[in-house]
Amino acid sequence: MRRQQIPRTDSIRELAKFWDTHDVTDFDDELEEVTEPIFEPKRGAVVEVHLKPREAAALKRLAESKDMAPADLIEEWVRQKVS
């Protein structure tokens, strides 16, 4: 039986899923020590915004009217205000 290969991906989720079902000691011959960061954050800080249901529904409608995701609309508003 041929063993599965370690995924060659930048997806932390995909790698985590793989290692949840595999033992790292089975791949000793493929591992190498890395001394510098491999994964760089793709985006800035995450900020949680708590909205009332009515506010969330209004945000969703506004975003849909602009063919945007609600989070993208919020990002746009924040960028406008901080510039």
N, C-alpha and C. Protein backbone atom coordinates (compact mmCIF):
# COMPACT_ATOMS: atom_id res chain seq x y z
N MET A 1 0.83 -1.18 0.00
CA MET A 1 0.00 0.00 0.00
C MET A 1 0.89 1.25 0.00
N ARG A 2 0.61 2.17 -0.88
CA ARG A 2 1.37 3.40 -1.01
C ARG A 2 0.84 4.44 -0.04
N ARG A 3 1.73 5.09 0.68
CA ARG A 3 1.27 6.09 1.64
C ARG A 3 0.96 7.41 0.92
N GLN A 4 0.09 8.17 1.54
CA GLN A 4 -0.31 9.45 0.98
C GLN A 4 0.83 10.46 1.11
N GLN A 5 0.90 11.40 0.17
CA GLN A 5 1.92 12.45 0.20
C GLN A 5 1.46 13.61 1.10
N ILE A 6 2.42 14.32 1.67
CA ILE A 6 2.11 15.54 2.41
C ILE A 6 1.61 16.56 1.38
N PRO A 7 0.49 17.21 1.64
CA PRO A 7 -0.03 18.18 0.67
C PRO A 7 0.96 19.34 0.45
N ARG A 8 1.10 19.75 -0.77
CA ARG A 8 1.93 20.92 -1.11
C ARG A 8 0.98 22.09 -1.31
N THR A 9 0.71 22.79 -0.21
CA THR A 9 -0.27 23.85 -0.22
C THR A 9 0.09 24.92 0.79
N ASP A 10 -0.43 26.11 0.60
CA ASP A 10 -0.27 27.19 1.57
C ASP A 10 -1.47 27.26 2.51
N SER A 11 -2.44 26.37 2.31
CA SER A 11 -3.66 26.41 3.11
C SER A 11 -3.44 25.76 4.47
N ILE A 12 -3.51 26.58 5.50
CA ILE A 12 -3.35 26.04 6.85
C ILE A 12 -4.47 25.06 7.16
N ARG A 13 -5.68 25.36 6.69
CA ARG A 13 -6.82 24.46 6.94
C ARG A 13 -6.58 23.08 6.31
N GLU A 14 -6.11 23.09 5.06
CA GLU A 14 -5.87 21.82 4.37
C GLU A 14 -4.78 21.02 5.07
N LEU A 15 -3.71 21.69 5.49
CA LEU A 15 -2.64 21.01 6.20
C LEU A 15 -3.12 20.49 7.55
N ALA A 16 -3.90 21.29 8.26
CA ALA A 16 -4.42 20.85 9.56
C ALA A 16 -5.31 19.62 9.39
N LYS A 17 -6.14 19.62 8.36
CA LYS A 17 -7.01 18.47 8.09
C LYS A 17 -6.16 17.22 7.82
N PHE A 18 -5.09 17.39 7.04
CA PHE A 18 -4.21 16.26 6.74
C PHE A 18 -3.57 15.72 8.03
N TRP A 19 -3.00 16.63 8.85
CA TRP A 19 -2.29 16.17 10.05
C TRP A 19 -3.25 15.67 11.12
N ASP A 20 -4.52 16.01 11.05
CA ASP A 20 -5.51 15.44 11.98
C ASP A 20 -5.69 13.95 11.76
N THR A 21 -5.35 13.48 10.56
CA THR A 21 -5.58 12.07 10.23
C THR A 21 -4.29 11.31 9.91
N HIS A 22 -3.14 11.94 10.11
CA HIS A 22 -1.86 11.30 9.83
C HIS A 22 -0.89 11.53 10.98
N ASP A 23 0.09 10.64 11.12
CA ASP A 23 1.10 10.75 12.16
C ASP A 23 2.38 11.30 11.56
N VAL A 24 2.89 12.38 12.15
CA VAL A 24 4.08 13.03 11.60
C VAL A 24 5.29 12.09 11.55
N THR A 25 5.34 11.13 12.45
CA THR A 25 6.49 10.21 12.46
C THR A 25 6.51 9.30 11.24
N ASP A 26 5.38 9.17 10.56
CA ASP A 26 5.34 8.37 9.33
C ASP A 26 5.98 9.11 8.16
N PHE A 27 6.32 10.38 8.36
CA PHE A 27 6.86 11.20 7.27
C PHE A 27 8.23 11.78 7.62
N ASP A 28 8.94 11.15 8.56
CA ASP A 28 10.26 11.64 8.98
C ASP A 28 11.20 11.89 7.80
N ASP A 29 11.16 11.01 6.82
CA ASP A 29 12.08 11.13 5.68
C ASP A 29 11.76 12.32 4.76
N GLU A 30 10.57 12.91 4.90
CA GLU A 30 10.17 14.05 4.06
C GLU A 30 10.26 15.39 4.78
N LEU A 31 10.50 15.37 6.08
CA LEU A 31 10.49 16.60 6.86
C LEU A 31 11.86 17.27 6.88
N GLU A 32 11.85 18.59 6.93
CA GLU A 32 13.09 19.35 7.07
C GLU A 32 12.85 20.50 8.03
N GLU A 33 13.89 20.87 8.75
CA GLU A 33 13.78 21.98 9.70
C GLU A 33 13.76 23.30 8.95
N VAL A 34 12.86 24.17 9.36
CA VAL A 34 12.74 25.49 8.75
C VAL A 34 12.93 26.52 9.86
N THR A 35 13.81 27.49 9.64
CA THR A 35 14.12 28.45 10.69
C THR A 35 13.45 29.80 10.50
N GLU A 36 12.79 30.01 9.38
CA GLU A 36 12.10 31.28 9.15
C GLU A 36 10.62 31.05 8.95
N PRO A 37 9.80 32.09 9.12
CA PRO A 37 8.34 31.91 8.98
C PRO A 37 7.97 31.44 7.57
N ILE A 38 7.02 30.53 7.53
CA ILE A 38 6.53 30.00 6.26
C ILE A 38 5.24 30.71 5.86
N PHE A 39 4.35 30.89 6.82
CA PHE A 39 3.05 31.48 6.54
C PHE A 39 3.05 32.93 6.98
N GLU A 40 2.74 33.81 6.08
CA GLU A 40 2.62 35.23 6.38
C GLU A 40 1.13 35.58 6.39
N PRO A 41 0.69 36.40 7.32
CA PRO A 41 -0.71 36.80 7.30
C PRO A 41 -1.03 37.53 6.01
N LYS A 42 -2.16 37.17 5.41
CA LYS A 42 -2.56 37.79 4.14
C LYS A 42 -3.31 39.08 4.36
N ARG A 43 -3.87 39.25 5.53
CA ARG A 43 -4.69 40.43 5.78
C ARG A 43 -4.28 41.04 7.11
N GLY A 44 -4.82 42.21 7.36
CA GLY A 44 -4.54 42.90 8.61
C GLY A 44 -5.31 42.28 9.76
N ALA A 45 -5.45 43.06 10.80
CA ALA A 45 -6.12 42.60 12.02
C ALA A 45 -7.60 42.33 11.76
N VAL A 46 -8.12 41.42 12.52
CA VAL A 46 -9.56 41.11 12.46
C VAL A 46 -10.22 41.83 13.62
N VAL A 47 -11.30 42.54 13.31
CA VAL A 47 -12.04 43.26 14.33
C VAL A 47 -13.48 42.75 14.31
N GLU A 48 -13.97 42.38 15.47
CA GLU A 48 -15.34 41.89 15.58
C GLU A 48 -16.28 43.07 15.80
N VAL A 49 -17.37 43.10 15.07
CA VAL A 49 -18.37 44.16 15.22
C VAL A 49 -19.69 43.50 15.59
N HIS A 50 -20.24 43.90 16.72
CA HIS A 50 -21.51 43.33 17.17
C HIS A 50 -22.65 44.25 16.74
N LEU A 51 -23.56 43.70 15.97
CA LEU A 51 -24.71 44.47 15.49
C LEU A 51 -26.00 43.84 16.00
N LYS A 52 -26.98 44.67 16.16
CA LYS A 52 -28.31 44.16 16.48
C LYS A 52 -28.86 43.49 15.23
N PRO A 53 -29.77 42.53 15.37
CA PRO A 53 -30.31 41.84 14.19
C PRO A 53 -30.83 42.80 13.12
N ARG A 54 -31.51 43.86 13.55
CA ARG A 54 -32.05 44.84 12.60
C ARG A 54 -30.92 45.53 11.84
N GLU A 55 -29.83 45.86 12.55
CA GLU A 55 -28.69 46.51 11.91
C GLU A 55 -27.98 45.56 10.94
N ALA A 56 -27.84 44.32 11.35
CA ALA A 56 -27.20 43.33 10.48
C ALA A 56 -28.00 43.12 9.20
N ALA A 57 -29.33 43.09 9.33
CA ALA A 57 -30.18 42.92 8.15
C ALA A 57 -30.05 44.12 7.21
N ALA A 58 -29.99 45.33 7.79
CA ALA A 58 -29.84 46.54 6.97
C ALA A 58 -28.49 46.54 6.27
N LEU A 59 -27.44 46.13 6.98
CA LEU A 59 -26.10 46.04 6.39
C LEU A 59 -26.11 45.05 5.22
N LYS A 60 -26.75 43.92 5.43
CA LYS A 60 -26.81 42.91 4.37
C LYS A 60 -27.52 43.45 3.13
N ARG A 61 -28.64 44.15 3.34
CA ARG A 61 -29.37 44.73 2.20
C ARG A 61 -28.52 45.76 1.46
N LEU A 62 -27.86 46.64 2.21
CA LEU A 62 -26.99 47.65 1.59
C LEU A 62 -25.87 47.00 0.79
N ALA A 63 -25.24 46.00 1.38
CA ALA A 63 -24.14 45.31 0.69
C ALA A 63 -24.64 44.64 -0.58
N GLU A 64 -25.79 43.96 -0.49
CA GLU A 64 -26.34 43.30 -1.67
C GLU A 64 -26.67 44.30 -2.77
N SER A 65 -27.14 45.48 -2.38
CA SER A 65 -27.49 46.49 -3.39
C SER A 65 -26.24 47.00 -4.13
N LYS A 66 -25.07 46.84 -3.49
CA LYS A 66 -23.81 47.24 -4.11
C LYS A 66 -23.05 46.03 -4.66
N ASP A 67 -23.70 44.87 -4.62
CA ASP A 67 -23.10 43.61 -5.08
C ASP A 67 -21.78 43.33 -4.34
N MET A 68 -21.84 43.51 -3.02
CA MET A 68 -20.67 43.32 -2.16
C MET A 68 -21.03 42.40 -1.00
N ALA A 69 -20.00 41.86 -0.39
CA ALA A 69 -20.19 41.13 0.87
C ALA A 69 -20.29 42.17 1.98
N PRO A 70 -21.07 41.90 3.03
CA PRO A 70 -21.18 42.86 4.13
C PRO A 70 -19.82 43.25 4.72
N ALA A 71 -18.92 42.31 4.89
CA ALA A 71 -17.59 42.63 5.45
C ALA A 71 -16.82 43.58 4.54
N ASP A 72 -16.96 43.41 3.23
CA ASP A 72 -16.27 44.30 2.30
C ASP A 72 -16.83 45.72 2.39
N LEU A 73 -18.12 45.83 2.58
CA LEU A 73 -18.74 47.15 2.72
C LEU A 73 -18.25 47.83 4.00
N ILE A 74 -18.18 47.08 5.08
CA ILE A 74 -17.67 47.64 6.34
C ILE A 74 -16.22 48.09 6.15
N GLU A 75 -15.39 47.28 5.49
CA GLU A 75 -14.00 47.66 5.23
C GLU A 75 -13.94 48.97 4.45
N GLU A 76 -14.80 49.09 3.45
CA GLU A 76 -14.83 50.32 2.64
C GLU A 76 -15.16 51.53 3.52
N TRP A 77 -16.17 51.40 4.37
CA TRP A 77 -16.56 52.50 5.25
C TRP A 77 -15.42 52.89 6.19
N VAL A 78 -14.76 51.90 6.76
CA VAL A 78 -13.66 52.18 7.70
C VAL A 78 -12.54 52.89 6.97
N ARG A 79 -12.18 52.42 5.80
CA ARG A 79 -11.10 53.06 5.02
C ARG A 79 -11.47 54.51 4.69
N GLN A 80 -12.73 54.77 4.37
CA GLN A 80 -13.16 56.14 4.06
C GLN A 80 -13.02 57.03 5.30
N LYS A 81 -13.37 56.50 6.44
CA LYS A 81 -13.34 57.30 7.67
C LYS A 81 -11.91 57.55 8.18
N VAL A 82 -11.01 56.61 7.99
CA VAL A 82 -9.66 56.79 8.52
C VAL A 82 -8.74 57.52 7.56
N SER A 83 -9.17 57.73 6.32
CA SER A 83 -8.31 58.47 5.37
C SER A 83 -8.45 59.96 5.54
